[in-house]
Structure formats: C-alpha cells, structure tokens
N, C-alpha and C. Protein backbone atom coordinates (compact mmCIF):
# COMPACT_ATOMS: atom_id res chain seq x y z
N MET A 1 0.82 -1.20 0.00
CA MET A 1 0.00 0.00 0.00
C MET A 1 0.86 1.26 0.00
N ASN A 2 2.00 1.20 0.69
CA ASN A 2 2.89 2.36 0.70
C ASN A 2 3.43 2.66 -0.69
N ALA A 3 3.69 1.62 -1.48
CA ALA A 3 4.21 1.84 -2.83
C ALA A 3 3.18 2.58 -3.70
N VAL A 4 1.93 2.21 -3.56
CA VAL A 4 0.87 2.88 -4.32
C VAL A 4 0.74 4.33 -3.87
N THR A 5 0.80 4.55 -2.58
CA THR A 5 0.72 5.92 -2.06
C THR A 5 1.88 6.76 -2.56
N GLU A 6 3.06 6.21 -2.59
CA GLU A 6 4.23 6.93 -3.08
C GLU A 6 4.10 7.26 -4.57
N ARG A 7 3.57 6.33 -5.33
CA ARG A 7 3.38 6.60 -6.76
C ARG A 7 2.34 7.70 -6.98
N VAL A 8 1.29 7.70 -6.21
CA VAL A 8 0.27 8.75 -6.33
C VAL A 8 0.88 10.10 -5.96
N ARG A 9 1.68 10.15 -4.91
CA ARG A 9 2.35 11.40 -4.53
C ARG A 9 3.31 11.86 -5.62
N ALA A 10 4.06 10.94 -6.19
CA ALA A 10 5.00 11.29 -7.26
C ALA A 10 4.25 11.81 -8.48
N LEU A 11 3.13 11.19 -8.81
CA LEU A 11 2.32 11.64 -9.94
C LEU A 11 1.74 13.03 -9.66
N ARG A 12 1.25 13.25 -8.47
CA ARG A 12 0.70 14.55 -8.10
C ARG A 12 1.79 15.62 -8.17
N HIS A 13 2.98 15.29 -7.70
CA HIS A 13 4.09 16.23 -7.76
C HIS A 13 4.48 16.54 -9.20
N ALA A 14 4.50 15.53 -10.04
CA ALA A 14 4.85 15.72 -11.46
C ALA A 14 3.80 16.58 -12.16
N VAL A 15 2.53 16.36 -11.86
CA VAL A 15 1.46 17.13 -12.49
C VAL A 15 1.55 18.60 -12.10
N THR A 16 1.93 18.89 -10.88
CA THR A 16 2.03 20.30 -10.46
C THR A 16 3.23 21.00 -11.09
N ARG A 17 4.20 20.25 -11.60
CA ARG A 17 5.39 20.85 -12.18
C ARG A 17 5.30 21.00 -13.69
N VAL A 18 4.25 20.54 -14.32
CA VAL A 18 4.12 20.61 -15.78
C VAL A 18 4.14 22.07 -16.21
N SER A 19 4.98 22.38 -17.22
CA SER A 19 5.02 23.74 -17.74
C SER A 19 4.20 23.83 -19.03
N LEU A 20 3.94 25.05 -19.46
CA LEU A 20 2.97 25.29 -20.52
C LEU A 20 3.41 24.77 -21.89
N LEU A 21 4.61 25.09 -22.34
CA LEU A 21 5.00 24.72 -23.70
C LEU A 21 5.10 23.21 -23.92
N PRO A 22 5.71 22.44 -23.03
CA PRO A 22 5.66 20.99 -23.25
C PRO A 22 4.23 20.45 -23.25
N LEU A 23 3.36 21.04 -22.45
CA LEU A 23 1.96 20.63 -22.45
C LEU A 23 1.29 20.97 -23.79
N LEU A 24 1.60 22.15 -24.34
CA LEU A 24 1.04 22.54 -25.64
C LEU A 24 1.53 21.63 -26.76
N VAL A 25 2.79 21.20 -26.69
CA VAL A 25 3.31 20.28 -27.70
C VAL A 25 2.53 18.98 -27.64
N ARG A 26 2.26 18.49 -26.45
CA ARG A 26 1.52 17.24 -26.30
C ARG A 26 0.05 17.39 -26.72
N VAL A 27 -0.53 18.54 -26.47
CA VAL A 27 -1.88 18.81 -26.96
C VAL A 27 -1.88 18.84 -28.49
N GLY A 28 -0.82 19.43 -29.07
CA GLY A 28 -0.69 19.44 -30.52
C GLY A 28 -0.58 18.04 -31.10
N ILE A 29 0.13 17.16 -30.41
CA ILE A 29 0.23 15.76 -30.85
C ILE A 29 -1.14 15.13 -30.86
N PHE A 30 -1.88 15.32 -29.79
CA PHE A 30 -3.22 14.74 -29.69
C PHE A 30 -4.12 15.27 -30.82
N LEU A 31 -4.11 16.58 -31.03
CA LEU A 31 -5.01 17.17 -32.02
C LEU A 31 -4.64 16.77 -33.45
N THR A 32 -3.34 16.76 -33.78
CA THR A 32 -2.96 16.37 -35.14
C THR A 32 -3.23 14.90 -35.40
N THR A 33 -3.01 14.07 -34.39
CA THR A 33 -3.30 12.64 -34.56
C THR A 33 -4.80 12.42 -34.73
N LEU A 34 -5.60 13.08 -33.92
CA LEU A 34 -7.05 12.95 -34.02
C LEU A 34 -7.57 13.49 -35.36
N ALA A 35 -7.01 14.60 -35.82
CA ALA A 35 -7.42 15.14 -37.12
C ALA A 35 -7.02 14.19 -38.25
N GLY A 36 -5.87 13.56 -38.12
CA GLY A 36 -5.46 12.56 -39.11
C GLY A 36 -6.42 11.39 -39.16
N PHE A 37 -6.85 10.94 -37.98
CA PHE A 37 -7.85 9.87 -37.93
C PHE A 37 -9.14 10.30 -38.61
N ALA A 38 -9.57 11.53 -38.32
CA ALA A 38 -10.84 12.02 -38.88
C ALA A 38 -10.79 12.11 -40.41
N LEU A 39 -9.64 12.48 -40.95
CA LEU A 39 -9.52 12.56 -42.41
C LEU A 39 -9.32 11.21 -43.06
N ALA A 40 -8.64 10.31 -42.38
CA ALA A 40 -8.31 9.02 -42.98
C ALA A 40 -9.49 8.05 -42.94
N PHE A 41 -10.18 7.99 -41.82
CA PHE A 41 -11.25 7.01 -41.67
C PHE A 41 -12.51 7.46 -42.39
N PRO A 42 -13.30 6.53 -42.89
CA PRO A 42 -14.57 6.91 -43.50
C PRO A 42 -15.54 7.45 -42.44
N SER A 43 -16.39 8.35 -42.85
CA SER A 43 -17.31 8.98 -41.89
C SER A 43 -18.26 7.98 -41.25
N GLU A 44 -18.55 6.88 -41.95
CA GLU A 44 -19.45 5.87 -41.39
C GLU A 44 -18.84 5.19 -40.16
N VAL A 45 -17.54 5.17 -40.08
CA VAL A 45 -16.86 4.52 -38.95
C VAL A 45 -16.76 5.47 -37.76
N LEU A 46 -16.77 6.77 -38.02
CA LEU A 46 -16.57 7.76 -36.98
C LEU A 46 -17.85 8.09 -36.21
N VAL A 47 -18.49 7.06 -35.68
CA VAL A 47 -19.67 7.24 -34.85
C VAL A 47 -19.57 6.31 -33.64
N GLY A 48 -20.22 6.69 -32.59
CA GLY A 48 -20.32 5.83 -31.42
C GLY A 48 -19.00 5.56 -30.73
N ARG A 49 -18.77 4.31 -30.40
CA ARG A 49 -17.59 3.90 -29.64
C ARG A 49 -16.29 4.10 -30.40
N ALA A 50 -16.36 4.04 -31.71
CA ALA A 50 -15.14 4.17 -32.51
C ALA A 50 -14.46 5.52 -32.27
N VAL A 51 -15.23 6.57 -32.09
CA VAL A 51 -14.66 7.89 -31.83
C VAL A 51 -13.91 7.88 -30.50
N GLY A 52 -14.49 7.26 -29.50
CA GLY A 52 -13.82 7.16 -28.20
C GLY A 52 -12.54 6.36 -28.27
N VAL A 53 -12.57 5.26 -29.00
CA VAL A 53 -11.38 4.43 -29.15
C VAL A 53 -10.30 5.21 -29.90
N LEU A 54 -10.69 5.91 -30.95
CA LEU A 54 -9.71 6.70 -31.70
C LEU A 54 -9.18 7.87 -30.87
N ALA A 55 -10.01 8.46 -30.03
CA ALA A 55 -9.53 9.54 -29.15
C ALA A 55 -8.52 9.00 -28.14
N ILE A 56 -8.76 7.83 -27.61
CA ILE A 56 -7.80 7.22 -26.68
C ILE A 56 -6.51 6.88 -27.43
N ALA A 57 -6.64 6.37 -28.65
CA ALA A 57 -5.45 6.06 -29.45
C ALA A 57 -4.67 7.33 -29.76
N ALA A 58 -5.35 8.45 -30.00
CA ALA A 58 -4.67 9.72 -30.26
C ALA A 58 -3.99 10.27 -29.02
N LEU A 59 -4.50 9.90 -27.85
CA LEU A 59 -3.90 10.35 -26.60
C LEU A 59 -2.61 9.61 -26.27
N LEU A 60 -2.48 8.38 -26.74
CA LEU A 60 -1.31 7.57 -26.41
C LEU A 60 0.02 8.19 -26.83
N PRO A 61 0.19 8.69 -28.08
CA PRO A 61 1.48 9.29 -28.40
C PRO A 61 1.72 10.61 -27.67
N ALA A 62 0.67 11.29 -27.26
CA ALA A 62 0.85 12.52 -26.48
C ALA A 62 1.40 12.21 -25.10
N VAL A 63 1.00 11.08 -24.55
CA VAL A 63 1.49 10.68 -23.22
C VAL A 63 2.87 10.02 -23.31
N GLY A 64 3.07 9.19 -24.32
CA GLY A 64 4.34 8.49 -24.48
C GLY A 64 4.96 8.71 -25.84
N PRO A 65 5.46 9.94 -26.12
CA PRO A 65 5.96 10.23 -27.47
C PRO A 65 7.25 9.49 -27.83
N GLY A 66 8.01 9.07 -26.86
CA GLY A 66 9.26 8.38 -27.14
C GLY A 66 9.12 6.88 -27.20
N ARG A 67 7.92 6.40 -27.16
CA ARG A 67 7.68 4.96 -27.18
C ARG A 67 7.14 4.52 -28.54
N VAL A 68 6.43 3.43 -28.58
CA VAL A 68 5.93 2.86 -29.83
C VAL A 68 4.63 3.54 -30.29
N TRP A 69 4.02 4.38 -29.49
CA TRP A 69 2.70 4.92 -29.79
C TRP A 69 2.64 5.79 -31.03
N PRO A 70 3.63 6.63 -31.33
CA PRO A 70 3.54 7.38 -32.59
C PRO A 70 3.49 6.47 -33.83
N THR A 71 4.28 5.41 -33.82
CA THR A 71 4.25 4.45 -34.93
C THR A 71 2.90 3.75 -34.98
N PHE A 72 2.40 3.37 -33.83
CA PHE A 72 1.11 2.70 -33.76
C PHE A 72 0.01 3.58 -34.36
N THR A 73 -0.05 4.84 -33.96
CA THR A 73 -1.11 5.71 -34.46
C THR A 73 -0.93 6.02 -35.95
N ALA A 74 0.33 6.09 -36.42
CA ALA A 74 0.54 6.27 -37.87
C ALA A 74 0.00 5.07 -38.63
N LEU A 75 0.23 3.88 -38.11
CA LEU A 75 -0.29 2.67 -38.76
C LEU A 75 -1.81 2.62 -38.71
N VAL A 76 -2.40 3.08 -37.60
CA VAL A 76 -3.86 3.14 -37.50
C VAL A 76 -4.41 4.13 -38.54
N THR A 77 -3.73 5.25 -38.72
CA THR A 77 -4.17 6.23 -39.71
C THR A 77 -4.11 5.65 -41.12
N VAL A 78 -3.01 5.00 -41.43
CA VAL A 78 -2.89 4.36 -42.76
C VAL A 78 -3.93 3.26 -42.91
N GLY A 79 -4.18 2.50 -41.84
CA GLY A 79 -5.23 1.48 -41.89
C GLY A 79 -6.60 2.09 -42.14
N GLY A 80 -6.86 3.24 -41.54
CA GLY A 80 -8.12 3.94 -41.78
C GLY A 80 -8.25 4.40 -43.22
N TRP A 81 -7.13 4.87 -43.78
CA TRP A 81 -7.13 5.28 -45.20
C TRP A 81 -7.43 4.10 -46.10
N LEU A 82 -6.78 2.97 -45.82
CA LEU A 82 -7.00 1.77 -46.63
C LEU A 82 -8.42 1.25 -46.46
N LEU A 83 -8.95 1.32 -45.24
CA LEU A 83 -10.33 0.90 -45.01
C LEU A 83 -11.30 1.77 -45.80
N ALA A 84 -11.04 3.08 -45.82
CA ALA A 84 -11.93 3.99 -46.56
C ALA A 84 -11.87 3.70 -48.06
N ALA A 85 -10.67 3.40 -48.56
CA ALA A 85 -10.51 3.18 -50.00
C ALA A 85 -11.03 1.81 -50.42
N ALA A 86 -10.64 0.78 -49.69
CA ALA A 86 -10.99 -0.58 -50.09
C ALA A 86 -12.36 -1.01 -49.56
N GLY A 87 -12.65 -0.69 -48.32
CA GLY A 87 -13.88 -1.16 -47.71
C GLY A 87 -15.10 -0.32 -48.01
N TYR A 88 -14.90 0.98 -48.19
CA TYR A 88 -16.04 1.87 -48.39
C TYR A 88 -16.03 2.53 -49.76
N GLY A 89 -15.03 2.22 -50.57
CA GLY A 89 -14.99 2.72 -51.94
C GLY A 89 -14.80 4.21 -52.08
N ARG A 90 -14.20 4.85 -51.07
CA ARG A 90 -13.97 6.29 -51.17
C ARG A 90 -12.81 6.54 -52.13
N PRO A 91 -13.02 7.39 -53.13
CA PRO A 91 -11.93 7.68 -54.06
C PRO A 91 -10.82 8.47 -53.36
N ALA A 92 -9.60 8.27 -53.80
CA ALA A 92 -8.44 8.94 -53.20
C ALA A 92 -8.34 10.36 -53.76
N ALA A 93 -8.81 11.31 -53.01
CA ALA A 93 -8.72 12.72 -53.41
C ALA A 93 -7.33 13.24 -53.04
N LEU A 94 -6.75 14.03 -53.92
CA LEU A 94 -5.40 14.54 -53.69
C LEU A 94 -5.33 15.42 -52.45
N TRP A 95 -6.33 16.26 -52.23
CA TRP A 95 -6.30 17.15 -51.07
C TRP A 95 -6.33 16.35 -49.78
N ARG A 96 -7.13 15.28 -49.76
CA ARG A 96 -7.22 14.46 -48.55
C ARG A 96 -5.91 13.72 -48.31
N LEU A 97 -5.32 13.21 -49.37
CA LEU A 97 -4.04 12.51 -49.25
C LEU A 97 -2.96 13.45 -48.73
N LEU A 98 -2.89 14.66 -49.28
CA LEU A 98 -1.89 15.62 -48.82
C LEU A 98 -2.14 16.03 -47.37
N ALA A 99 -3.40 16.20 -47.00
CA ALA A 99 -3.72 16.59 -45.63
C ALA A 99 -3.37 15.48 -44.64
N VAL A 100 -3.68 14.25 -44.98
CA VAL A 100 -3.34 13.13 -44.10
C VAL A 100 -1.82 12.99 -43.97
N ALA A 101 -1.11 13.12 -45.08
CA ALA A 101 0.35 13.05 -45.04
C ALA A 101 0.93 14.17 -44.20
N ALA A 102 0.39 15.38 -44.34
CA ALA A 102 0.87 16.51 -43.56
C ALA A 102 0.61 16.30 -42.07
N LEU A 103 -0.56 15.80 -41.73
CA LEU A 103 -0.88 15.55 -40.33
C LEU A 103 -0.03 14.43 -39.75
N LEU A 104 0.24 13.40 -40.54
CA LEU A 104 1.15 12.34 -40.08
C LEU A 104 2.53 12.90 -39.79
N TYR A 105 3.04 13.74 -40.69
CA TYR A 105 4.36 14.33 -40.48
C TYR A 105 4.37 15.25 -39.28
N LEU A 106 3.35 16.09 -39.14
CA LEU A 106 3.30 17.01 -38.00
C LEU A 106 3.21 16.25 -36.68
N ALA A 107 2.42 15.22 -36.63
CA ALA A 107 2.34 14.42 -35.40
C ALA A 107 3.69 13.77 -35.11
N HIS A 108 4.35 13.28 -36.15
CA HIS A 108 5.66 12.64 -35.97
C HIS A 108 6.69 13.63 -35.46
N THR A 109 6.75 14.81 -36.05
CA THR A 109 7.76 15.78 -35.63
C THR A 109 7.45 16.35 -34.25
N LEU A 110 6.18 16.51 -33.92
CA LEU A 110 5.82 16.95 -32.57
C LEU A 110 6.17 15.87 -31.54
N CYS A 111 6.00 14.61 -31.90
CA CYS A 111 6.41 13.53 -31.00
C CYS A 111 7.91 13.54 -30.78
N ALA A 112 8.67 13.82 -31.84
CA ALA A 112 10.12 13.90 -31.70
C ALA A 112 10.50 15.04 -30.75
N LEU A 113 9.84 16.17 -30.87
CA LEU A 113 10.11 17.29 -29.97
C LEU A 113 9.69 16.96 -28.54
N ALA A 114 8.52 16.38 -28.39
CA ALA A 114 8.02 16.07 -27.04
C ALA A 114 8.87 15.01 -26.36
N ALA A 115 9.45 14.10 -27.13
CA ALA A 115 10.31 13.08 -26.54
C ALA A 115 11.57 13.70 -25.96
N LEU A 116 11.97 14.85 -26.47
CA LEU A 116 13.15 15.53 -25.96
C LEU A 116 12.85 16.45 -24.79
N LEU A 117 11.61 16.89 -24.69
CA LEU A 117 11.25 17.87 -23.65
C LEU A 117 10.69 17.18 -22.41
N PRO A 118 11.31 17.39 -21.27
CA PRO A 118 10.66 16.92 -20.04
C PRO A 118 9.38 17.73 -19.78
N TYR A 119 8.49 17.16 -19.00
CA TYR A 119 7.23 17.84 -18.72
C TYR A 119 7.43 19.20 -18.06
N ASP A 120 8.46 19.33 -17.25
CA ASP A 120 8.68 20.56 -16.51
C ASP A 120 9.73 21.47 -17.13
N ALA A 121 10.02 21.28 -18.42
CA ALA A 121 11.03 22.10 -19.09
C ALA A 121 10.54 23.52 -19.26
N VAL A 122 11.43 24.46 -19.04
CA VAL A 122 11.14 25.86 -19.29
C VAL A 122 11.93 26.22 -20.55
N ILE A 123 11.20 26.44 -21.63
CA ILE A 123 11.86 26.71 -22.90
C ILE A 123 11.36 28.02 -23.48
N ASP A 124 12.19 28.57 -24.34
CA ASP A 124 11.84 29.80 -25.04
C ASP A 124 10.77 29.48 -26.08
N PRO A 125 9.73 30.27 -26.20
CA PRO A 125 8.70 30.01 -27.20
C PRO A 125 9.24 29.99 -28.63
N GLN A 126 10.37 30.65 -28.87
CA GLN A 126 10.97 30.65 -30.21
C GLN A 126 11.44 29.25 -30.61
N VAL A 127 11.75 28.41 -29.63
CA VAL A 127 12.13 27.03 -29.95
C VAL A 127 10.95 26.32 -30.61
N LEU A 128 9.78 26.47 -30.03
CA LEU A 128 8.58 25.84 -30.57
C LEU A 128 8.18 26.44 -31.91
N THR A 129 8.22 27.76 -32.03
CA THR A 129 7.84 28.39 -33.30
C THR A 129 8.84 28.05 -34.40
N GLY A 130 10.12 27.99 -34.07
CA GLY A 130 11.12 27.60 -35.06
C GLY A 130 10.93 26.17 -35.52
N TRP A 131 10.62 25.29 -34.56
CA TRP A 131 10.38 23.88 -34.89
C TRP A 131 9.16 23.75 -35.82
N LEU A 132 8.11 24.45 -35.47
CA LEU A 132 6.89 24.38 -36.29
C LEU A 132 7.08 25.05 -37.65
N ALA A 133 7.89 26.11 -37.72
CA ALA A 133 8.16 26.75 -39.00
C ALA A 133 8.92 25.81 -39.93
N ARG A 134 9.91 25.09 -39.38
CA ARG A 134 10.64 24.12 -40.21
C ARG A 134 9.72 22.99 -40.65
N ALA A 135 8.87 22.53 -39.75
CA ALA A 135 7.93 21.46 -40.11
C ALA A 135 6.96 21.96 -41.18
N GLY A 136 6.50 23.19 -41.05
CA GLY A 136 5.61 23.76 -42.06
C GLY A 136 6.28 23.89 -43.42
N ALA A 137 7.57 24.24 -43.42
CA ALA A 137 8.31 24.35 -44.67
C ALA A 137 8.44 22.98 -45.33
N VAL A 138 8.68 21.94 -44.53
CA VAL A 138 8.79 20.59 -45.08
C VAL A 138 7.44 20.15 -45.65
N VAL A 139 6.37 20.42 -44.94
CA VAL A 139 5.03 20.04 -45.41
C VAL A 139 4.69 20.78 -46.71
N LEU A 140 4.98 22.07 -46.75
CA LEU A 140 4.69 22.85 -47.95
C LEU A 140 5.52 22.37 -49.14
N ALA A 141 6.80 22.16 -48.94
CA ALA A 141 7.66 21.69 -50.03
C ALA A 141 7.22 20.30 -50.50
N SER A 142 6.86 19.44 -49.58
CA SER A 142 6.40 18.10 -49.96
C SER A 142 5.10 18.16 -50.74
N ALA A 143 4.18 19.02 -50.31
CA ALA A 143 2.90 19.14 -51.01
C ALA A 143 3.10 19.68 -52.42
N VAL A 144 3.93 20.71 -52.56
CA VAL A 144 4.18 21.27 -53.89
C VAL A 144 4.84 20.23 -54.79
N LEU A 145 5.85 19.55 -54.26
CA LEU A 145 6.53 18.52 -55.05
C LEU A 145 5.58 17.37 -55.39
N GLY A 146 4.73 16.99 -54.45
CA GLY A 146 3.76 15.93 -54.71
C GLY A 146 2.78 16.30 -55.80
N VAL A 147 2.28 17.52 -55.76
CA VAL A 147 1.33 17.97 -56.79
C VAL A 147 2.03 18.04 -58.14
N LEU A 148 3.27 18.54 -58.16
CA LEU A 148 4.01 18.60 -59.43
C LEU A 148 4.25 17.21 -60.00
N LEU A 149 4.57 16.24 -59.14
CA LEU A 149 4.79 14.88 -59.62
C LEU A 149 3.49 14.24 -60.11
N VAL A 150 2.38 14.54 -59.45
CA VAL A 150 1.10 14.01 -59.91
C VAL A 150 0.75 14.61 -61.27
N GLU A 151 0.99 15.91 -61.42
CA GLU A 151 0.72 16.56 -62.70
C GLU A 151 1.65 16.03 -63.79
N ALA A 152 2.91 15.78 -63.43
CA ALA A 152 3.84 15.22 -64.41
C ALA A 152 3.39 13.82 -64.82
N GLY A 153 2.82 13.09 -63.91
CA GLY A 153 2.32 11.76 -64.22
C GLY A 153 1.08 11.80 -65.08
N ALA A 154 0.36 12.91 -65.09
CA ALA A 154 -0.88 13.02 -65.86
C ALA A 154 -0.65 13.57 -67.27
N ILE A 155 0.59 13.93 -67.58
CA ILE A 155 0.87 14.50 -68.91
C ILE A 155 0.53 13.51 -70.00
N ARG A 156 1.13 12.35 -69.90
CA ARG A 156 0.80 11.27 -70.83
C ARG A 156 0.62 10.02 -69.99
N ALA A 157 -0.37 9.27 -70.30
CA ALA A 157 -0.74 8.13 -69.45
C ALA A 157 0.42 7.17 -69.24
N GLY A 158 1.11 6.75 -70.28
CA GLY A 158 2.16 5.75 -70.13
C GLY A 158 3.49 6.36 -69.73
N ASP A 159 3.96 7.36 -70.49
CA ASP A 159 5.28 7.94 -70.25
C ASP A 159 5.29 8.83 -69.02
N GLY A 160 4.20 9.53 -68.78
CA GLY A 160 4.15 10.44 -67.64
C GLY A 160 4.29 9.71 -66.32
N LEU A 161 3.63 8.57 -66.20
CA LEU A 161 3.72 7.80 -64.96
C LEU A 161 5.14 7.32 -64.73
N ARG A 162 5.77 6.87 -65.77
CA ARG A 162 7.16 6.41 -65.66
C ARG A 162 8.07 7.58 -65.29
N ALA A 163 7.86 8.73 -65.93
CA ALA A 163 8.69 9.91 -65.64
C ALA A 163 8.49 10.38 -64.20
N ALA A 164 7.25 10.36 -63.73
CA ALA A 164 6.98 10.76 -62.35
C ALA A 164 7.62 9.80 -61.37
N THR A 165 7.61 8.52 -61.68
CA THR A 165 8.23 7.53 -60.81
C THR A 165 9.73 7.74 -60.74
N VAL A 166 10.35 7.96 -61.89
CA VAL A 166 11.80 8.19 -61.91
C VAL A 166 12.15 9.50 -61.20
N ALA A 167 11.35 10.55 -61.43
CA ALA A 167 11.60 11.83 -60.76
C ALA A 167 11.46 11.68 -59.25
N GLY A 168 10.44 10.96 -58.80
CA GLY A 168 10.28 10.73 -57.36
C GLY A 168 11.43 9.95 -56.77
N LEU A 169 11.90 8.96 -57.49
CA LEU A 169 13.05 8.18 -57.03
C LEU A 169 14.30 9.05 -56.95
N LEU A 170 14.53 9.90 -57.95
CA LEU A 170 15.68 10.79 -57.93
C LEU A 170 15.61 11.78 -56.76
N VAL A 171 14.43 12.30 -56.49
CA VAL A 171 14.26 13.21 -55.37
C VAL A 171 14.54 12.48 -54.04
N ALA A 172 14.04 11.26 -53.91
CA ALA A 172 14.28 10.49 -52.68
C ALA A 172 15.76 10.20 -52.49
N VAL A 173 16.44 9.82 -53.55
CA VAL A 173 17.88 9.56 -53.46
C VAL A 173 18.64 10.85 -53.15
N GLY A 174 18.25 11.93 -53.80
CA GLY A 174 18.90 13.22 -53.54
C GLY A 174 18.73 13.67 -52.10
N LEU A 175 17.53 13.51 -51.56
CA LEU A 175 17.30 13.88 -50.16
C LEU A 175 18.08 12.98 -49.20
N THR A 176 18.20 11.71 -49.53
CA THR A 176 18.97 10.80 -48.69
C THR A 176 20.44 11.20 -48.68
N VAL A 177 20.98 11.53 -49.84
CA VAL A 177 22.38 11.96 -49.93
C VAL A 177 22.57 13.27 -49.16
N LEU A 178 21.63 14.20 -49.31
CA LEU A 178 21.72 15.46 -48.59
C LEU A 178 21.68 15.25 -47.08
N LEU A 179 20.78 14.42 -46.61
CA LEU A 179 20.69 14.16 -45.17
C LEU A 179 21.96 13.48 -44.65
N ARG A 180 22.48 12.56 -45.42
CA ARG A 180 23.72 11.89 -44.99
C ARG A 180 24.86 12.89 -44.91
N TRP A 181 24.95 13.79 -45.89
CA TRP A 181 25.99 14.79 -45.89
C TRP A 181 25.84 15.73 -44.68
N LEU A 182 24.60 16.11 -44.37
CA LEU A 182 24.35 16.98 -43.23
C LEU A 182 24.72 16.31 -41.92
N LEU A 183 24.45 15.02 -41.80
CA LEU A 183 24.79 14.29 -40.57
C LEU A 183 26.29 14.12 -40.42
N ARG A 184 27.00 13.90 -41.49
CA ARG A 184 28.45 13.75 -41.42
C ARG A 184 29.15 15.08 -41.20
N ARG A 185 28.53 16.15 -41.57
CA ARG A 185 29.10 17.49 -41.44
C ARG A 185 29.29 17.90 -40.00
N ARG A 186 28.52 17.33 -39.12
CA ARG A 186 28.58 17.67 -37.70
C ARG A 186 29.98 17.54 -37.26
C-alpha cells in the first residue's frame, strides 16, 4: 500500500510541475493525430464507440511520445485510409491525401520534440515556433513537389507515370544523400 501511495504522490508532484509549452506540444500531438484519424477514416466509422477508441489512441502518443505509440497511431491512420478506399470505396482525393500526409508528419515531428522535452522544461517560445516553421516548410515543399509529380504523371498516361516515378526516385535519393551529408558534417 505504501508503494501505491508513493506513486500517487510522485504523480501529483509531477502534475504540479508541468510547464505550458511541453503541455502545448503534447496537446498538438493529440489534435494532429485525431485530425489525421478524422480525415483518414470513412465517416461511417466515426460514430459511437469508434470515436472514443480513436480519441484514446490519439492520446497515447501525447502521453508516451518516445515509445511505440507514434508508430502505432501512424499505422492506424494508414489502416483507416485503406479501409476507406478498399472497404467503403472512397476515391483517393489529392487534397485528402496531402492533408493526411501533412498531419502524419506534423504528429511525428511533434512527437520527436516532445520526446526531448521533459514535462517541466522551461523553454523559449521561439524554440517551438522555429520547430513548427521548419515542419511547415517541409510540409509545404512536400505538397508542392507531390502535386508537381502528380501533374507530371498526368501529362501522358504511359510515359508520364514512368517519368513521375523516376523523378520521385531521384528526389528520394537526392534527399537521402543530402541528409547523410548533413549528418556527417557535424
């Protein structure tokens, strides 16, 4: 019984020490994950108990961002997308795909930030705004590049698809080389 009492006291002490910005990052994780679920899953599924289960699933990476929960919720989001496409026959709209991808990335990057921040960290708000600005730049660049590749694929049915695939592969290889160079530069 003393062990339980000590854990409750430790939890109460930790809750009183929570600072605002780490809490806002975790709220952002919850909201982006939940919004990703709402866009990915078909509307017929988002009723009743399923909403509660998805809300609990969205809360998991906010509570444990350095654990397996961000990957789990990303897989649930992708599963919801596949369920909507295969099970409910929802056509893949480009705007929805880009929005789901953006929300997956934002949830992932917020989880990475939250995993580094203790609950009681006192940080400059510019750290959070800088992090979000970089994430926004990545999302914007990815969306523009994605739309350009889709349009390049639509130029000619046979050759355009091949050209878009090769262009996407070249971009992926180029980004990998760039990231490797940046990591070695340290």
